[in-house]
Amino acid sequence: MFFLGDVYSWSDQRDSAYRVAPTDDRLLGHRQFLLNPNRISDLIEGTDTTLVIPTSWFKFFDNHLDRRERWSYMKVKIAVSTIITAADTAFFSTMATFPICRNNNPDGLTVDTTLPVSCIAYFDRYNPRPTEFVWMVYYNAAFKRREVLVKYSIEEVEDILETGTTSTTTTSTSEDR
């Protein structure tokens, strides 16, 4: 199961300057991502000494199936035990359907697209309308990286991955025959 974390540091050789931007750092000190734990290696527990909160350091592979992919080094405000629990928890389904915005246009049409959950690297809350949209990064083959805008909030995406619906509450009715 994916886990939601406040990422304080994300360094790599590709585009890490944009993953936790200076604006994020100035305003919040972090940026929120919903991360797939099947891409983590070398997990280390730490503590932020200024805030006395649990942190984790780890290597993260955007494309964990390609040996040419270089790892990123991340510092996230979340306990190691929470990451391990997320990694050990099964997904609701091996596939998930998301309404993807055509041409990443939030005001345009969406196309329901079903993907294997294992292909998804992460979701990024950062966008001008975070209660309505989230960025998804996934790989559909070696080095075929896709960044698409999904018409769900990050909380709705979590619900889809955990329960198969965008609402964690369900009601059932029965009829007497």
C-alpha atoms as a PDB file:
ATOM      1  CA  MET A   1       0.000   0.000   0.000  1.00  0.00           C
ATOM      2  CA  PHE A   2       1.229   3.520  -0.731  1.00  0.00           C
ATOM      3  CA  PHE A   3       2.080   5.866   2.133  1.00  0.00           C
ATOM      4  CA  LEU A   4       1.645   9.633   2.388  1.00  0.00           C
ATOM      5  CA  GLY A   5       4.738  11.465   3.537  1.00  0.00           C
ATOM      6  CA  ASP A   6       6.035  14.982   3.940  1.00  0.00           C
ATOM      7  CA  VAL A   7       9.262  14.955   1.929  1.00  0.00           C
ATOM      8  CA  TYR A   8      11.918  17.338   3.261  1.00  0.00           C
ATOM      9  CA  SER A   9      14.698  16.359   0.907  1.00  0.00           C
ATOM     10  CA  TRP A  10      14.778  14.525  -2.442  1.00  0.00           C
ATOM     11  CA  SER A  11      18.142  14.505  -4.140  1.00  0.00           C
ATOM     12  CA  ASP A  12      19.053  12.772  -7.380  1.00  0.00           C
ATOM     13  CA  GLN A  13      20.891  13.445 -10.614  1.00  0.00           C
ATOM     14  CA  ARG A  14      17.783  14.057 -12.727  1.00  0.00           C
ATOM     15  CA  ASP A  15      15.258  16.627 -11.519  1.00  0.00           C
ATOM     16  CA  SER A  16      15.426  16.782  -7.750  1.00  0.00           C
ATOM     17  CA  ALA A  17      15.548  20.571  -7.743  1.00  0.00           C
ATOM     18  CA  TYR A  18      11.892  20.528  -8.777  1.00  0.00           C
ATOM     19  CA  ARG A  19      10.605  17.770  -6.513  1.00  0.00           C
ATOM     20  CA  VAL A  20      10.888  19.785  -3.303  1.00  0.00           C
ATOM     21  CA  ALA A  21      11.111  23.272  -4.714  1.00  0.00           C
ATOM     22  CA  PRO A  22      12.487  26.311  -2.843  1.00  0.00           C
ATOM     23  CA  THR A  23       8.910  27.647  -2.633  1.00  0.00           C
ATOM     24  CA  ASP A  24       7.794  24.456  -0.835  1.00  0.00           C
ATOM     25  CA  ASP A  25      10.769  24.739   1.477  1.00  0.00           C
ATOM     26  CA  ARG A  26      10.061  28.381   2.338  1.00  0.00           C
ATOM     27  CA  LEU A  27       6.308  27.964   2.837  1.00  0.00           C
ATOM     28  CA  LEU A  28       6.005  24.539   4.451  1.00  0.00           C
ATOM     29  CA  GLY A  29       9.469  23.072   4.747  1.00  0.00           C
ATOM     30  CA  HIS A  30       8.294  20.023   2.769  1.00  0.00           C
ATOM     31  CA  ARG A  31       6.137  18.729  -0.081  1.00  0.00           C
ATOM     32  CA  GLN A  32       3.598  15.895   0.159  1.00  0.00           C
ATOM     33  CA  PHE A  33       3.936  12.764  -1.928  1.00  0.00           C
ATOM     34  CA  LEU A  34       2.047   9.469  -1.917  1.00  0.00           C
ATOM     35  CA  LEU A  35       4.897   6.986  -2.420  1.00  0.00           C
ATOM     36  CA  ASN A  36       4.987   3.379  -3.548  1.00  0.00           C
ATOM     37  CA  PRO A  37       7.071   1.403  -1.005  1.00  0.00           C
ATOM     38  CA  ASN A  38       8.066  -1.196  -3.621  1.00  0.00           C
ATOM     39  CA  ARG A  39      10.661   1.348  -4.791  1.00  0.00           C
ATOM     40  CA  ILE A  40      12.487   1.772  -1.468  1.00  0.00           C
ATOM     41  CA  SER A  41      15.865   0.436  -0.414  1.00  0.00           C
ATOM     42  CA  ASP A  42      18.249   1.057   2.507  1.00  0.00           C
ATOM     43  CA  LEU A  43      15.637   2.381   4.948  1.00  0.00           C
ATOM     44  CA  ILE A  44      17.127   4.230   7.957  1.00  0.00           C
ATOM     45  CA  GLU A  45      15.307   5.621  11.015  1.00  0.00           C
ATOM     46  CA  GLY A  46      16.112   9.127  12.143  1.00  0.00           C
ATOM     47  CA  THR A  47      14.715  11.984  14.211  1.00  0.00           C
ATOM     48  CA  ASP A  48      14.420  15.620  13.252  1.00  0.00           C
ATOM     49  CA  THR A  49      16.219  17.255  16.165  1.00  0.00           C
ATOM     50  CA  THR A  50      14.517  20.632  15.743  1.00  0.00           C
ATOM     51  CA  LEU A  51      10.959  19.286  15.766  1.00  0.00           C
ATOM     52  CA  VAL A  52      11.587  15.944  17.516  1.00  0.00           C
ATOM     53  CA  ILE A  53       9.563  14.018  14.954  1.00  0.00           C
ATOM     54  CA  PRO A  54      10.292  10.637  13.403  1.00  0.00           C
ATOM     55  CA  THR A  55      11.957  10.766  10.021  1.00  0.00           C
ATOM     56  CA  SER A  56      13.160   8.181   7.556  1.00  0.00           C
ATOM     57  CA  TRP A  57      16.010   8.267   5.101  1.00  0.00           C
ATOM     58  CA  PHE A  58      16.008   5.900   2.147  1.00  0.00           C
ATOM     59  CA  LYS A  59      16.940   5.301  -1.456  1.00  0.00           C
ATOM     60  CA  PHE A  60      13.997   5.602  -3.840  1.00  0.00           C
ATOM     61  CA  PHE A  61      13.897   4.254  -7.388  1.00  0.00           C
ATOM     62  CA  ASP A  62      11.382   5.909  -9.708  1.00  0.00           C
ATOM     63  CA  ASN A  63      11.699   2.945 -12.070  1.00  0.00           C
ATOM     64  CA  HIS A  64      12.700   0.050  -9.850  1.00  0.00           C
ATOM     65  CA  LEU A  65      12.601  -2.546 -12.637  1.00  0.00           C
ATOM     66  CA  ASP A  66      15.295  -1.014 -14.840  1.00  0.00           C
ATOM     67  CA  ARG A  67      18.914  -1.495 -13.807  1.00  0.00           C
ATOM     68  CA  ARG A  68      19.889   1.738 -15.588  1.00  0.00           C
ATOM     69  CA  GLU A  69      17.698   3.804 -13.242  1.00  0.00           C
ATOM     70  CA  ARG A  70      19.652   5.789 -10.679  1.00  0.00           C
ATOM     71  CA  TRP A  71      18.295   6.065  -7.154  1.00  0.00           C
ATOM     72  CA  SER A  72      17.258   9.182  -5.299  1.00  0.00           C
ATOM     73  CA  TYR A  73      17.994   9.853  -1.658  1.00  0.00           C
ATOM     74  CA  MET A  74      14.973  11.007   0.347  1.00  0.00           C
ATOM     75  CA  LYS A  75      14.261  12.341   3.831  1.00  0.00           C
ATOM     76  CA  VAL A  76      10.603  11.929   4.794  1.00  0.00           C
ATOM     77  CA  LYS A  77       8.653  12.833   7.934  1.00  0.00           C
ATOM     78  CA  ILE A  78       7.329   9.376   8.720  1.00  0.00           C
ATOM     79  CA  ALA A  79       8.421   6.524  10.946  1.00  0.00           C
ATOM     80  CA  VAL A  80      10.220   3.522   9.479  1.00  0.00           C
ATOM     81  CA  SER A  81       7.589   1.248  11.061  1.00  0.00           C
ATOM     82  CA  THR A  82       4.847   3.024   9.087  1.00  0.00           C
ATOM     83  CA  ILE A  83       6.728   2.466   5.823  1.00  0.00           C
ATOM     84  CA  ILE A  84       7.265  -1.206   6.659  1.00  0.00           C
ATOM     85  CA  THR A  85       3.558  -1.613   7.470  1.00  0.00           C
ATOM     86  CA  ALA A  86       2.642   0.034   4.150  1.00  0.00           C
ATOM     87  CA  ALA A  87       5.017  -2.281   2.281  1.00  0.00           C
ATOM     88  CA  ASP A  88       3.557  -5.338   4.028  1.00  0.00           C
ATOM     89  CA  THR A  89      -0.089  -4.355   3.396  1.00  0.00           C
ATOM     90  CA  ALA A  90      -1.690  -5.728   0.257  1.00  0.00           C
ATOM     91  CA  PHE A  91      -3.362  -3.406  -2.210  1.00  0.00           C
ATOM     92  CA  PHE A  92      -7.124  -3.618  -2.627  1.00  0.00           C
ATOM     93  CA  SER A  93      -6.452  -4.716  -6.211  1.00  0.00           C
ATOM     94  CA  THR A  94      -3.438  -5.132  -8.464  1.00  0.00           C
ATOM     95  CA  MET A  95      -5.086  -2.661 -10.875  1.00  0.00           C
ATOM     96  CA  ALA A  96      -6.532   0.812 -10.296  1.00  0.00           C
ATOM     97  CA  THR A  97      -8.545   3.164 -12.506  1.00  0.00           C
ATOM     98  CA  PHE A  98      -7.925   6.907 -12.507  1.00  0.00           C
ATOM     99  CA  PRO A  99      -9.548   9.774 -14.455  1.00  0.00           C
ATOM    100  CA  ILE A 100      -6.550  11.188 -16.315  1.00  0.00           C
ATOM    101  CA  CYS A 101      -6.843  14.674 -17.803  1.00  0.00           C
ATOM    102  CA  ARG A 102      -6.237  14.744 -21.559  1.00  0.00           C
ATOM    103  CA  ASN A 103      -3.101  16.738 -22.371  1.00  0.00           C
ATOM    104  CA  ASN A 104      -2.806  17.423 -18.611  1.00  0.00           C
ATOM    105  CA  ASN A 105      -5.480  20.088 -19.002  1.00  0.00           C
ATOM    106  CA  PRO A 106      -7.466  20.366 -15.742  1.00  0.00           C
ATOM    107  CA  ASP A 107     -10.356  22.059 -17.554  1.00  0.00           C
ATOM    108  CA  GLY A 108     -10.549  19.480 -20.352  1.00  0.00           C
ATOM    109  CA  LEU A 109     -11.952  15.982 -20.632  1.00  0.00           C
ATOM    110  CA  THR A 110     -10.735  13.037 -18.599  1.00  0.00           C
ATOM    111  CA  VAL A 111     -10.148   9.460 -19.713  1.00  0.00           C
ATOM    112  CA  ASP A 112     -10.594   6.617 -17.241  1.00  0.00           C
ATOM    113  CA  THR A 113      -7.324   4.707 -17.426  1.00  0.00           C
ATOM    114  CA  THR A 114      -6.593   1.431 -15.639  1.00  0.00           C
ATOM    115  CA  LEU A 115      -3.000   0.710 -14.649  1.00  0.00           C
ATOM    116  CA  PRO A 116      -1.163  -1.929 -12.647  1.00  0.00           C
ATOM    117  CA  VAL A 117      -0.542  -0.435  -9.202  1.00  0.00           C
ATOM    118  CA  SER A 118       3.026  -1.764  -9.252  1.00  0.00           C
ATOM    119  CA  CYS A 119       3.823   0.529 -12.238  1.00  0.00           C
ATOM    120  CA  ILE A 120       2.976   3.694 -10.286  1.00  0.00           C
ATOM    121  CA  ALA A 121       5.977   5.384  -8.658  1.00  0.00           C
ATOM    122  CA  TYR A 122       4.268   8.207  -6.766  1.00  0.00           C
ATOM    123  CA  PHE A 123       1.593  10.882  -6.610  1.00  0.00           C
ATOM    124  CA  ASP A 124       2.480  14.544  -6.075  1.00  0.00           C
ATOM    125  CA  ARG A 125      -0.015  16.892  -4.400  1.00  0.00           C
ATOM    126  CA  TYR A 126       1.661  19.980  -5.896  1.00  0.00           C
ATOM    127  CA  ASN A 127      -0.609  21.876  -8.302  1.00  0.00           C
ATOM    128  CA  PRO A 128      -2.765  25.024  -8.171  1.00  0.00           C
ATOM    129  CA  ARG A 129      -5.905  23.017  -7.244  1.00  0.00           C
ATOM    130  CA  PRO A 130      -4.726  20.291  -4.824  1.00  0.00           C
ATOM    131  CA  THR A 131      -8.237  19.468  -3.570  1.00  0.00           C
ATOM    132  CA  GLU A 132      -9.244  18.473  -7.117  1.00  0.00           C
ATOM    133  CA  PHE A 133      -6.105  17.174  -8.860  1.00  0.00           C
ATOM    134  CA  VAL A 134      -2.891  15.271  -8.242  1.00  0.00           C
ATOM    135  CA  TRP A 135       0.110  14.457 -10.449  1.00  0.00           C
ATOM    136  CA  MET A 136       0.823  10.756 -11.000  1.00  0.00           C
ATOM    137  CA  VAL A 137       4.177   9.409 -12.189  1.00  0.00           C
ATOM    138  CA  TYR A 138       4.187   5.894 -13.589  1.00  0.00           C
ATOM    139  CA  TYR A 139       6.180   3.685 -15.942  1.00  0.00           C
ATOM    140  CA  ASN A 140       4.552   1.496 -18.565  1.00  0.00           C
ATOM    141  CA  ALA A 141       7.873   0.083 -19.806  1.00  0.00           C
ATOM    142  CA  ALA A 142      11.578   0.571 -19.226  1.00  0.00           C
ATOM    143  CA  PHE A 143      12.271   4.303 -19.317  1.00  0.00           C
ATOM    144  CA  LYS A 144       8.776   5.155 -20.565  1.00  0.00           C
ATOM    145  CA  ARG A 145       8.038   7.630 -17.816  1.00  0.00           C
ATOM    146  CA  ARG A 146       4.601   9.223 -17.775  1.00  0.00           C
ATOM    147  CA  GLU A 147       3.588  12.252 -15.701  1.00  0.00           C
ATOM    148  CA  VAL A 148      -0.158  12.794 -15.861  1.00  0.00           C
ATOM    149  CA  LEU A 149      -2.708  14.948 -14.085  1.00  0.00           C
ATOM    150  CA  VAL A 150      -5.392  12.906 -12.311  1.00  0.00           C
ATOM    151  CA  LYS A 151      -8.772  14.392 -11.429  1.00  0.00           C
ATOM    152  CA  TYR A 152      -8.676  13.190  -7.814  1.00  0.00           C
ATOM    153  CA  SER A 153      -7.258  14.689  -4.657  1.00  0.00           C
ATOM    154  CA  ILE A 154      -4.417  12.796  -3.014  1.00  0.00           C
ATOM    155  CA  GLU A 155      -6.863  11.578  -0.333  1.00  0.00           C
ATOM    156  CA  GLU A 156      -9.195  10.181  -3.014  1.00  0.00           C
ATOM    157  CA  VAL A 157      -6.265   8.396  -4.622  1.00  0.00           C
ATOM    158  CA  GLU A 158      -5.422   6.849  -1.225  1.00  0.00           C
ATOM    159  CA  ASP A 159      -9.024   5.643  -0.931  1.00  0.00           C
ATOM    160  CA  ILE A 160      -8.919   4.099  -4.428  1.00  0.00           C
ATOM    161  CA  LEU A 161      -5.724   2.222  -3.596  1.00  0.00           C
ATOM    162  CA  GLU A 162      -6.967   1.073  -0.174  1.00  0.00           C
ATOM    163  CA  THR A 163     -10.639   0.287  -0.849  1.00  0.00           C
ATOM    164  CA  GLY A 164     -11.309   0.533  -4.584  1.00  0.00           C
ATOM    165  CA  THR A 165     -13.613   3.559  -4.183  1.00  0.00           C
ATOM    166  CA  THR A 166     -13.168   7.257  -3.500  1.00  0.00           C
ATOM    167  CA  SER A 167     -15.174   6.975  -0.306  1.00  0.00           C
ATOM    168  CA  THR A 168     -14.139   4.787   2.600  1.00  0.00           C
ATOM    169  CA  THR A 169     -17.701   4.632   3.919  1.00  0.00           C
ATOM    170  CA  THR A 170     -20.146   2.231   2.357  1.00  0.00           C
ATOM    171  CA  THR A 171     -23.757   1.422   3.010  1.00  0.00           C
ATOM    172  CA  SER A 172     -25.622  -1.708   2.177  1.00  0.00           C
ATOM    173  CA  THR A 173     -29.282  -2.472   2.039  1.00  0.00           C
ATOM    174  CA  SER A 174     -31.095  -5.765   2.026  1.00  0.00           C
ATOM    175  CA  GLU A 175     -34.559  -6.607   0.854  1.00  0.00           C
ATOM    176  CA  ASP A 176     -36.865  -9.214   2.327  1.00  0.00           C
ATOM    177  CA  ARG A 177     -38.107 -11.642  -0.293  1.00  0.00           C
END
